[in-house]
Amino acid sequence: MTTGGPPARYRPYAGMLAVQSAAVLVASIFLIGGVLGFVPGITRDLGSLQLFGPDSEAALFGLFEVSIIDNLFNILMGICGLLLATKYAWARAYLLLGGLLILGLWIYGILIDHDSAANLLPVNNADNWLHLGLGATMVILALTLAGARVPTGAAGEILLPPEELPADYKPEQHQAES
């Protein structure tokens, strides 16, 4: 008697992998934040919103300094994330490279004088903490959720029909992991 691993459960659609779901969640946060940066009442002093630079007094939730370029960047990051979440490798790349980019913004925010012309986005201390947390979270999600390419149920059963399994999938390897 041979057991080649957990039996495959036949479903027409298995859903997204964890890394893809994380990319959708992060992209949604970017998209919502970017749009809210243009909404009066949610963004304080919206009338002083500038294209870029430290002269923009607008602040999302009265806390995070925003500019038109900053809001458009967030919207673009959100749209890219939603598009890239359609494939496993793209979702992982979005989280990893996007996270590194946001961590770069954190370093940029630490190194510049917030009142100088170098503060193009603009950033403040709240933005720096947000960039640190969001960038680190994105990198961690990219590295930790990317381990399995085969979606499984809670009991370890494979949720894809055998013809949709990756070519390098080995059932005995999956069984040893559970």
C-alpha atoms as a PDB file:
ATOM      1  CA  MET A   1       0.000   0.000   0.000  1.00  0.00           C
ATOM      2  CA  THR A   2       1.413   3.377  -0.972  1.00  0.00           C
ATOM      3  CA  THR A   3       0.359   6.727   0.286  1.00  0.00           C
ATOM      4  CA  GLY A   4       1.535   9.485  -1.988  1.00  0.00           C
ATOM      5  CA  GLY A   5       0.505  12.275   0.341  1.00  0.00           C
ATOM      6  CA  PRO A   6      -2.805  13.831   1.205  1.00  0.00           C
ATOM      7  CA  PRO A   7      -5.581  13.248  -1.307  1.00  0.00           C
ATOM      8  CA  ALA A   8      -6.271  16.055  -3.745  1.00  0.00           C
ATOM      9  CA  ARG A   9      -9.547  17.856  -3.254  1.00  0.00           C
ATOM     10  CA  TYR A  10     -11.064  18.826  -6.569  1.00  0.00           C
ATOM     11  CA  ARG A  11     -12.211  22.415  -6.716  1.00  0.00           C
ATOM     12  CA  PRO A  12     -12.622  24.536  -9.817  1.00  0.00           C
ATOM     13  CA  TYR A  13     -10.948  27.483  -8.108  1.00  0.00           C
ATOM     14  CA  ALA A  14      -8.546  27.266  -5.201  1.00  0.00           C
ATOM     15  CA  GLY A  15      -8.329  30.963  -4.427  1.00  0.00           C
ATOM     16  CA  MET A  16      -5.261  33.064  -3.836  1.00  0.00           C
ATOM     17  CA  LEU A  17      -2.163  31.986  -2.015  1.00  0.00           C
ATOM     18  CA  ALA A  18      -1.302  33.737   1.248  1.00  0.00           C
ATOM     19  CA  VAL A  19       1.346  35.947  -0.359  1.00  0.00           C
ATOM     20  CA  GLN A  20      -1.187  37.094  -2.973  1.00  0.00           C
ATOM     21  CA  SER A  21      -3.775  37.894  -0.304  1.00  0.00           C
ATOM     22  CA  ALA A  22      -1.167  39.874   1.631  1.00  0.00           C
ATOM     23  CA  ALA A  23      -0.299  41.826  -1.526  1.00  0.00           C
ATOM     24  CA  VAL A  24      -3.985  42.660  -2.047  1.00  0.00           C
ATOM     25  CA  LEU A  25      -4.300  43.821   1.569  1.00  0.00           C
ATOM     26  CA  VAL A  26      -1.190  46.014   1.430  1.00  0.00           C
ATOM     27  CA  ALA A  27      -2.138  47.399  -1.987  1.00  0.00           C
ATOM     28  CA  SER A  28      -5.599  48.257  -0.664  1.00  0.00           C
ATOM     29  CA  ILE A  29      -4.049  50.168   2.223  1.00  0.00           C
ATOM     30  CA  PHE A  30      -1.902  52.168  -0.206  1.00  0.00           C
ATOM     31  CA  LEU A  31      -4.837  52.829  -2.521  1.00  0.00           C
ATOM     32  CA  ILE A  32      -7.210  53.897   0.248  1.00  0.00           C
ATOM     33  CA  GLY A  33      -4.533  56.092   1.874  1.00  0.00           C
ATOM     34  CA  GLY A  34      -3.754  57.777  -1.431  1.00  0.00           C
ATOM     35  CA  VAL A  35      -7.399  58.508  -2.189  1.00  0.00           C
ATOM     36  CA  LEU A  36      -8.124  59.711   1.357  1.00  0.00           C
ATOM     37  CA  GLY A  37      -5.233  62.171   0.984  1.00  0.00           C
ATOM     38  CA  PHE A  38      -7.508  64.127  -1.383  1.00  0.00           C
ATOM     39  CA  VAL A  39     -10.661  63.994   0.802  1.00  0.00           C
ATOM     40  CA  PRO A  40     -11.576  67.112   2.795  1.00  0.00           C
ATOM     41  CA  GLY A  41     -12.263  66.451   6.442  1.00  0.00           C
ATOM     42  CA  ILE A  42     -10.088  63.339   6.501  1.00  0.00           C
ATOM     43  CA  THR A  43      -7.099  65.366   5.349  1.00  0.00           C
ATOM     44  CA  ARG A  44      -6.561  68.471   7.494  1.00  0.00           C
ATOM     45  CA  ASP A  45      -5.761  71.757   5.708  1.00  0.00           C
ATOM     46  CA  LEU A  46      -6.497  70.277   2.298  1.00  0.00           C
ATOM     47  CA  GLY A  47      -6.513  73.805   0.854  1.00  0.00           C
ATOM     48  CA  SER A  48      -2.770  74.033   1.496  1.00  0.00           C
ATOM     49  CA  LEU A  49      -2.033  70.795  -0.378  1.00  0.00           C
ATOM     50  CA  GLN A  50       1.002  71.380  -2.611  1.00  0.00           C
ATOM     51  CA  LEU A  51       2.385  69.387  -5.532  1.00  0.00           C
ATOM     52  CA  PHE A  52       5.440  68.480  -3.438  1.00  0.00           C
ATOM     53  CA  GLY A  53       7.759  69.918  -0.796  1.00  0.00           C
ATOM     54  CA  PRO A  54       7.701  70.895   2.871  1.00  0.00           C
ATOM     55  CA  ASP A  55       5.303  73.800   2.278  1.00  0.00           C
ATOM     56  CA  SER A  56       2.343  71.447   2.039  1.00  0.00           C
ATOM     57  CA  GLU A  57       0.521  71.765   5.350  1.00  0.00           C
ATOM     58  CA  ALA A  58      -2.068  69.099   4.500  1.00  0.00           C
ATOM     59  CA  ALA A  59      -2.056  66.111   6.852  1.00  0.00           C
ATOM     60  CA  LEU A  60      -3.940  62.841   6.430  1.00  0.00           C
ATOM     61  CA  PHE A  61      -5.895  62.201   9.653  1.00  0.00           C
ATOM     62  CA  GLY A  62      -4.159  65.350  10.939  1.00  0.00           C
ATOM     63  CA  LEU A  63      -1.020  63.251  11.420  1.00  0.00           C
ATOM     64  CA  PHE A  64       0.718  62.228   8.184  1.00  0.00           C
ATOM     65  CA  GLU A  65       1.958  65.074   5.963  1.00  0.00           C
ATOM     66  CA  VAL A  66       0.819  64.622   2.362  1.00  0.00           C
ATOM     67  CA  SER A  67       1.309  66.261  -1.001  1.00  0.00           C
ATOM     68  CA  ILE A  68      -0.176  65.610  -4.422  1.00  0.00           C
ATOM     69  CA  ILE A  69       2.908  63.588  -5.451  1.00  0.00           C
ATOM     70  CA  ASP A  70       2.737  61.602  -2.199  1.00  0.00           C
ATOM     71  CA  ASN A  71      -0.951  60.776  -2.713  1.00  0.00           C
ATOM     72  CA  LEU A  72      -0.390  59.830  -6.366  1.00  0.00           C
ATOM     73  CA  PHE A  73       2.561  57.631  -5.347  1.00  0.00           C
ATOM     74  CA  ASN A  74       0.335  55.813  -2.843  1.00  0.00           C
ATOM     75  CA  ILE A  75      -2.415  55.350  -5.438  1.00  0.00           C
ATOM     76  CA  LEU A  76       0.138  54.020  -7.935  1.00  0.00           C
ATOM     77  CA  MET A  77       1.565  51.608  -5.335  1.00  0.00           C
ATOM     78  CA  GLY A  78      -1.981  50.395  -4.662  1.00  0.00           C
ATOM     79  CA  ILE A  79      -2.859  49.863  -8.316  1.00  0.00           C
ATOM     80  CA  CYS A  80       0.451  48.102  -9.001  1.00  0.00           C
ATOM     81  CA  GLY A  81      -0.062  45.852  -5.991  1.00  0.00           C
ATOM     82  CA  LEU A  82      -3.547  44.846  -7.072  1.00  0.00           C
ATOM     83  CA  LEU A  83      -2.312  44.052 -10.572  1.00  0.00           C
ATOM     84  CA  LEU A  84       0.764  42.172  -9.355  1.00  0.00           C
ATOM     85  CA  ALA A  85      -1.238  40.124  -6.837  1.00  0.00           C
ATOM     86  CA  THR A  86      -2.641  38.034  -9.695  1.00  0.00           C
ATOM     87  CA  LYS A  87       0.471  35.822  -9.800  1.00  0.00           C
ATOM     88  CA  TYR A  88       2.466  34.259  -6.989  1.00  0.00           C
ATOM     89  CA  ALA A  89       5.896  35.528  -8.088  1.00  0.00           C
ATOM     90  CA  TRP A  90       4.614  38.998  -8.898  1.00  0.00           C
ATOM     91  CA  ALA A  91       2.883  39.314  -5.520  1.00  0.00           C
ATOM     92  CA  ARG A  92       6.049  38.268  -3.728  1.00  0.00           C
ATOM     93  CA  ALA A  93       8.156  40.712  -5.767  1.00  0.00           C
ATOM     94  CA  TYR A  94       5.677  43.515  -5.028  1.00  0.00           C
ATOM     95  CA  LEU A  95       5.862  42.902  -1.290  1.00  0.00           C
ATOM     96  CA  LEU A  96       9.640  42.490  -1.243  1.00  0.00           C
ATOM     97  CA  LEU A  97      10.672  45.298  -3.597  1.00  0.00           C
ATOM     98  CA  GLY A  98       7.867  47.612  -2.480  1.00  0.00           C
ATOM     99  CA  GLY A  99       8.834  46.986   1.143  1.00  0.00           C
ATOM    100  CA  LEU A 100      12.459  47.821   0.388  1.00  0.00           C
ATOM    101  CA  LEU A 101      11.337  50.990  -1.400  1.00  0.00           C
ATOM    102  CA  ILE A 102       9.253  52.057   1.610  1.00  0.00           C
ATOM    103  CA  LEU A 103      12.175  51.280   3.932  1.00  0.00           C
ATOM    104  CA  GLY A 104      14.259  53.520   1.655  1.00  0.00           C
ATOM    105  CA  LEU A 105      11.706  56.289   2.247  1.00  0.00           C
ATOM    106  CA  TRP A 106      12.109  55.693   5.988  1.00  0.00           C
ATOM    107  CA  ILE A 107      15.882  56.149   5.717  1.00  0.00           C
ATOM    108  CA  TYR A 108      15.345  59.228   3.521  1.00  0.00           C
ATOM    109  CA  GLY A 109      12.982  60.669   6.137  1.00  0.00           C
ATOM    110  CA  ILE A 110      15.511  60.120   8.911  1.00  0.00           C
ATOM    111  CA  LEU A 111      18.423  61.678   7.028  1.00  0.00           C
ATOM    112  CA  ILE A 112      16.814  64.881   5.731  1.00  0.00           C
ATOM    113  CA  ASP A 113      15.902  68.063   7.543  1.00  0.00           C
ATOM    114  CA  HIS A 114      12.090  68.106   7.525  1.00  0.00           C
ATOM    115  CA  ASP A 115      12.017  71.887   7.026  1.00  0.00           C
ATOM    116  CA  SER A 116      14.427  71.896   4.066  1.00  0.00           C
ATOM    117  CA  ALA A 117      13.738  71.797   0.330  1.00  0.00           C
ATOM    118  CA  ALA A 118      15.022  68.181   0.348  1.00  0.00           C
ATOM    119  CA  ASN A 119      11.748  67.148   1.997  1.00  0.00           C
ATOM    120  CA  LEU A 120       9.992  66.591  -1.340  1.00  0.00           C
ATOM    121  CA  LEU A 121       7.237  64.169  -0.338  1.00  0.00           C
ATOM    122  CA  PRO A 122       6.885  65.684   2.482  1.00  0.00           C
ATOM    123  CA  VAL A 123       7.611  63.481   5.505  1.00  0.00           C
ATOM    124  CA  ASN A 124       7.433  64.001   9.245  1.00  0.00           C
ATOM    125  CA  ASN A 125       8.113  61.779  12.268  1.00  0.00           C
ATOM    126  CA  ALA A 126       4.727  60.064  11.959  1.00  0.00           C
ATOM    127  CA  ASP A 127       5.486  59.289   8.302  1.00  0.00           C
ATOM    128  CA  ASN A 128       8.874  57.870   9.303  1.00  0.00           C
ATOM    129  CA  TRP A 129       7.293  55.470  11.790  1.00  0.00           C
ATOM    130  CA  LEU A 130       4.655  54.512   9.223  1.00  0.00           C
ATOM    131  CA  HIS A 131       7.317  53.848   6.575  1.00  0.00           C
ATOM    132  CA  LEU A 132       9.360  51.734   8.997  1.00  0.00           C
ATOM    133  CA  GLY A 133       6.371  49.634  10.058  1.00  0.00           C
ATOM    134  CA  LEU A 134       4.855  49.247   6.603  1.00  0.00           C
ATOM    135  CA  GLY A 135       8.164  48.552   4.844  1.00  0.00           C
ATOM    136  CA  ALA A 136       9.284  45.986   7.423  1.00  0.00           C
ATOM    137  CA  THR A 137       5.867  44.311   7.357  1.00  0.00           C
ATOM    138  CA  MET A 138       5.917  44.053   3.568  1.00  0.00           C
ATOM    139  CA  VAL A 139       9.395  42.485   3.548  1.00  0.00           C
ATOM    140  CA  ILE A 140       8.479  40.060   6.330  1.00  0.00           C
ATOM    141  CA  LEU A 141       5.288  39.041   4.512  1.00  0.00           C
ATOM    142  CA  ALA A 142       7.236  38.486   1.283  1.00  0.00           C
ATOM    143  CA  LEU A 143       9.757  36.269   3.034  1.00  0.00           C
ATOM    144  CA  THR A 144       7.452  34.305   5.316  1.00  0.00           C
ATOM    145  CA  LEU A 145       4.319  33.763   3.235  1.00  0.00           C
ATOM    146  CA  ALA A 146       6.116  32.722   0.084  1.00  0.00           C
ATOM    147  CA  GLY A 147       7.073  29.239   1.218  1.00  0.00           C
ATOM    148  CA  ALA A 148       4.266  27.209  -0.333  1.00  0.00           C
ATOM    149  CA  ARG A 149       3.097  27.461  -3.920  1.00  0.00           C
ATOM    150  CA  VAL A 150       0.478  24.752  -3.543  1.00  0.00           C
ATOM    151  CA  PRO A 151      -2.665  25.886  -1.684  1.00  0.00           C
ATOM    152  CA  THR A 152      -3.734  23.468   1.020  1.00  0.00           C
ATOM    153  CA  GLY A 153      -6.657  23.209   3.382  1.00  0.00           C
ATOM    154  CA  ALA A 154      -6.467  23.129   7.161  1.00  0.00           C
ATOM    155  CA  ALA A 155      -5.848  19.367   7.170  1.00  0.00           C
ATOM    156  CA  GLY A 156      -3.078  19.632   4.576  1.00  0.00           C
ATOM    157  CA  GLU A 157      -5.186  18.410   1.675  1.00  0.00           C
ATOM    158  CA  ILE A 158      -4.237  19.804  -1.710  1.00  0.00           C
ATOM    159  CA  LEU A 159      -6.831  22.204  -3.067  1.00  0.00           C
ATOM    160  CA  LEU A 160      -5.762  22.005  -6.707  1.00  0.00           C
ATOM    161  CA  PRO A 161      -6.566  19.331  -9.253  1.00  0.00           C
ATOM    162  CA  PRO A 162      -3.456  17.248 -10.080  1.00  0.00           C
ATOM    163  CA  GLU A 163      -3.128  18.767 -13.568  1.00  0.00           C
ATOM    164  CA  GLU A 164      -2.777  22.246 -12.004  1.00  0.00           C
ATOM    165  CA  LEU A 165      -0.032  21.290  -9.554  1.00  0.00           C
ATOM    166  CA  PRO A 166       3.407  22.807 -10.232  1.00  0.00           C
ATOM    167  CA  ALA A 167       5.729  20.562 -12.228  1.00  0.00           C
ATOM    168  CA  ASP A 168       8.211  20.410  -9.334  1.00  0.00           C
ATOM    169  CA  TYR A 169       5.589  19.361  -6.738  1.00  0.00           C
ATOM    170  CA  LYS A 170       6.462  16.159  -4.851  1.00  0.00           C
ATOM    171  CA  PRO A 171       3.691  14.706  -2.645  1.00  0.00           C
ATOM    172  CA  GLU A 172       6.146  12.892  -0.343  1.00  0.00           C
ATOM    173  CA  GLN A 173       7.883  16.192   0.359  1.00  0.00           C
ATOM    174  CA  HIS A 174       4.538  17.754   1.307  1.00  0.00           C
ATOM    175  CA  GLN A 175       3.694  14.811   3.582  1.00  0.00           C
ATOM    176  CA  ALA A 176       7.038  15.122   5.409  1.00  0.00           C
ATOM    177  CA  GLU A 177       6.310  18.794   6.133  1.00  0.00           C
ATOM    178  CA  SER A 178       2.965  18.124   7.833  1.00  0.00           C
END
